[in-house]
């Protein structure tokens, strides 16, 4: 059996809460994981059939507009727990801002300034959201995740300030 990837594990984690369609999983992933792990619509719709083929999820009720519910199987729960309890290995940063900055030499000075200004504005908005999440957290795990998110956003703002000064 092939190793469970992080996106598949994220979907199995969400399906522990009950059956869901692909669209519901996309929305739940954004709400629950959005601050620290992105899951795109295309990833969800690519992973669900693969999970079904491996017997980790099964098809549930078909909904309106041909939406398909998925249900985690006992094998899926077992595989999720195996994944969750093994060494996570290194984390990888996937930042579109860093990707743009690495390639900023291909932009005009005005385009670079706009890139930095827009990033600063977006991260300032995200900082307000992160601070609100810290205040709203009602258990130690949620508090730790929200605090991590807040620290990440502050680090991104510091990075933006450093790049702007260069």
Protein backbone atom coordinates (compact mmCIF):
# COMPACT_ATOMS: atom_id res chain seq x y z
CA UNK A 1 0.00 0.00 0.00
CA UNK A 2 1.32 3.44 -0.89
CA UNK A 3 2.03 6.04 1.76
CA UNK A 4 -0.90 8.30 2.60
CA UNK A 5 -0.14 11.87 1.54
CA UNK A 6 -0.96 14.89 3.70
CA UNK A 7 -3.92 15.98 1.54
CA UNK A 8 -5.49 12.53 1.75
CA UNK A 9 -4.89 12.49 5.49
CA UNK A 10 -6.52 15.92 5.80
CA UNK A 11 -9.61 14.62 3.98
CA UNK A 12 -9.79 11.49 6.11
CA UNK A 13 -9.49 13.66 9.21
CA UNK A 14 -12.46 15.73 8.05
CA UNK A 15 -14.48 12.63 7.17
CA UNK A 16 -14.12 11.42 10.78
CA UNK A 17 -16.79 14.05 11.54
CA UNK A 18 -19.27 12.40 9.17
CA UNK A 19 -20.12 11.96 5.50
CA UNK A 20 -19.39 14.89 3.20
CA UNK A 21 -19.35 15.82 -0.45
CA UNK A 22 -16.27 17.13 -2.20
CA UNK A 23 -17.61 20.68 -1.99
CA UNK A 24 -18.31 20.32 1.72
CA UNK A 25 -14.78 18.99 2.24
CA UNK A 26 -13.28 21.96 0.38
CA UNK A 27 -15.26 24.36 2.58
CA UNK A 28 -14.43 22.50 5.81
CA UNK A 29 -10.73 22.32 4.91
CA UNK A 30 -10.67 26.07 4.35
CA UNK A 31 -12.40 26.69 7.67
CA UNK A 32 -10.49 24.19 9.79
CA UNK A 33 -7.09 23.96 8.10
CA UNK A 34 -6.98 27.27 6.24
CA UNK A 35 -4.55 29.00 8.57
CA UNK A 36 -1.86 26.36 8.23
CA UNK A 37 -2.62 23.84 5.45
CA UNK A 38 -4.19 24.65 2.11
CA UNK A 39 -6.36 22.14 0.31
CA UNK A 40 -7.56 23.10 -3.15
CA UNK A 41 -10.73 21.99 -4.90
CA UNK A 42 -8.67 20.18 -7.54
CA UNK A 43 -6.72 18.30 -4.85
CA UNK A 44 -9.95 17.19 -3.15
CA UNK A 45 -11.50 15.91 -6.38
CA UNK A 46 -8.25 14.15 -7.34
CA UNK A 47 -7.78 12.48 -3.93
CA UNK A 48 -11.34 11.28 -3.25
CA UNK A 49 -11.46 8.69 -6.09
CA UNK A 50 -7.98 7.49 -5.13
CA UNK A 51 -9.09 7.06 -1.52
CA UNK A 52 -12.18 5.16 -2.70
CA UNK A 53 -10.04 2.93 -4.92
CA UNK A 54 -7.86 2.09 -1.91
CA UNK A 55 -10.96 1.27 0.18
CA UNK A 56 -10.33 4.13 2.63
CA UNK A 57 -13.61 5.86 1.80
CA UNK A 58 -16.82 4.60 0.22
CA UNK A 59 -19.53 6.36 -1.70
CA UNK A 60 -22.50 7.59 0.26
CA UNK A 61 -25.68 9.27 -0.89
CA UNK A 62 -25.78 11.10 -4.18
CA UNK A 63 -26.97 14.65 -3.70
CA UNK A 64 -28.30 17.41 -5.89
CA UNK A 65 -26.43 18.37 -9.06
CA UNK A 66 -24.63 15.01 -9.02
CA UNK A 67 -22.77 15.80 -5.79
CA UNK A 68 -21.39 12.66 -4.22
CA UNK A 69 -21.08 12.01 -0.51
CA UNK A 70 -18.04 10.15 0.81
CA UNK A 71 -17.86 8.14 4.02
CA UNK A 72 -14.67 7.04 5.77
CA UNK A 73 -14.33 3.27 6.13
CA UNK A 74 -12.83 1.32 9.02
CA UNK A 75 -9.72 0.86 6.85
CA UNK A 76 -9.66 4.63 6.30
CA UNK A 77 -9.82 5.28 10.03
CA UNK A 78 -7.02 2.79 10.63
CA UNK A 79 -4.85 4.27 7.86
CA UNK A 80 -5.48 7.81 9.17
CA UNK A 81 -4.39 6.81 12.67
CA UNK A 82 -1.30 5.10 11.27
CA UNK A 83 -0.44 8.27 9.32
CA UNK A 84 -1.12 10.55 12.32
CA UNK A 85 1.10 8.54 14.65
CA UNK A 86 4.14 8.15 12.40
CA UNK A 87 7.02 10.61 12.14
CA UNK A 88 5.81 13.70 10.31
CA UNK A 89 9.18 14.43 8.73
CA UNK A 90 10.11 17.98 7.79
CA UNK A 91 7.49 20.66 7.22
CA UNK A 92 7.61 22.38 3.88
CA UNK A 93 6.75 26.01 3.36
CA UNK A 94 4.60 26.65 0.31
CA UNK A 95 4.42 30.40 -0.01
CA UNK A 96 3.31 32.20 -3.13
CA UNK A 97 4.79 35.40 -1.66
CA UNK A 98 8.24 33.83 -1.33
CA UNK A 99 7.94 32.41 -4.84
CA UNK A 100 7.13 35.88 -6.18
CA UNK A 101 9.99 37.50 -4.23
CA UNK A 102 12.48 34.93 -5.54
CA UNK A 103 11.40 35.91 -9.04
CA UNK A 104 11.00 39.65 -8.36
CA UNK A 105 14.07 40.47 -10.45
CA UNK A 106 11.87 39.84 -13.48
CA UNK A 107 9.52 42.68 -12.44
CA UNK A 108 9.79 46.44 -12.74
CA UNK A 109 10.47 48.48 -9.60
CA UNK A 110 6.82 49.61 -9.56
CA UNK A 111 5.60 46.02 -9.87
CA UNK A 112 7.87 44.96 -7.00
CA UNK A 113 6.58 47.84 -4.86
CA UNK A 114 2.98 46.83 -5.64
CA UNK A 115 3.78 43.21 -4.79
CA UNK A 116 5.18 44.23 -1.39
CA UNK A 117 2.36 46.70 -0.70
CA UNK A 118 -0.37 44.21 -1.53
CA UNK A 119 1.33 41.49 0.52
CA UNK A 120 1.65 43.83 3.50
CA UNK A 121 -2.05 44.75 3.26
CA UNK A 122 -3.13 41.11 2.99
CA UNK A 123 -0.93 39.99 5.89
CA UNK A 124 -2.16 42.86 8.08
CA UNK A 125 -5.72 41.67 7.44
CA UNK A 126 -4.65 38.12 8.21
CA UNK A 127 -2.99 39.28 11.43
CA UNK A 128 -6.31 40.70 12.60
CA UNK A 129 -7.96 37.34 11.80
CA UNK A 130 -5.22 35.43 13.62
CA UNK A 131 -5.55 37.63 16.71
CA UNK A 132 -9.32 37.06 16.67
CA UNK A 133 -8.73 33.31 16.39
CA UNK A 134 -6.45 33.39 19.43
CA UNK A 135 -9.14 35.22 21.41
CA UNK A 136 -11.86 32.81 20.21
CA UNK A 137 -9.92 29.61 20.87
CA UNK A 138 -11.64 27.55 23.54
CA UNK A 139 -9.20 24.71 24.11
CA UNK A 140 -5.42 24.32 24.34
CA UNK A 141 -5.00 22.81 20.87
CA UNK A 142 -7.00 25.56 19.14
CA UNK A 143 -5.10 28.19 21.15
CA UNK A 144 -1.76 26.70 20.14
CA UNK A 145 -2.76 26.52 16.45
CA UNK A 146 -4.08 30.10 16.45
CA UNK A 147 -0.96 31.34 18.25
CA UNK A 148 1.24 29.56 15.70
CA UNK A 149 -0.78 31.17 12.88
CA UNK A 150 -0.38 34.59 14.50
CA UNK A 151 3.38 34.07 14.85
CA UNK A 152 3.63 32.97 11.22
CA UNK A 153 1.80 36.08 10.03
CA UNK A 154 4.03 38.31 12.17
CA UNK A 155 7.10 36.62 10.66
CA UNK A 156 5.72 37.20 7.16
CA UNK A 157 5.19 40.89 7.96
CA UNK A 158 8.75 41.14 9.27
CA UNK A 159 9.96 39.50 6.05
CA UNK A 160 7.96 42.00 4.01
CA UNK A 161 9.45 44.90 5.95
CA UNK A 162 12.96 43.53 5.38
CA UNK A 163 12.35 43.09 1.64
CA UNK A 164 10.84 46.58 1.39
CA UNK A 165 13.97 48.09 2.95
CA UNK A 166 16.31 46.24 0.56
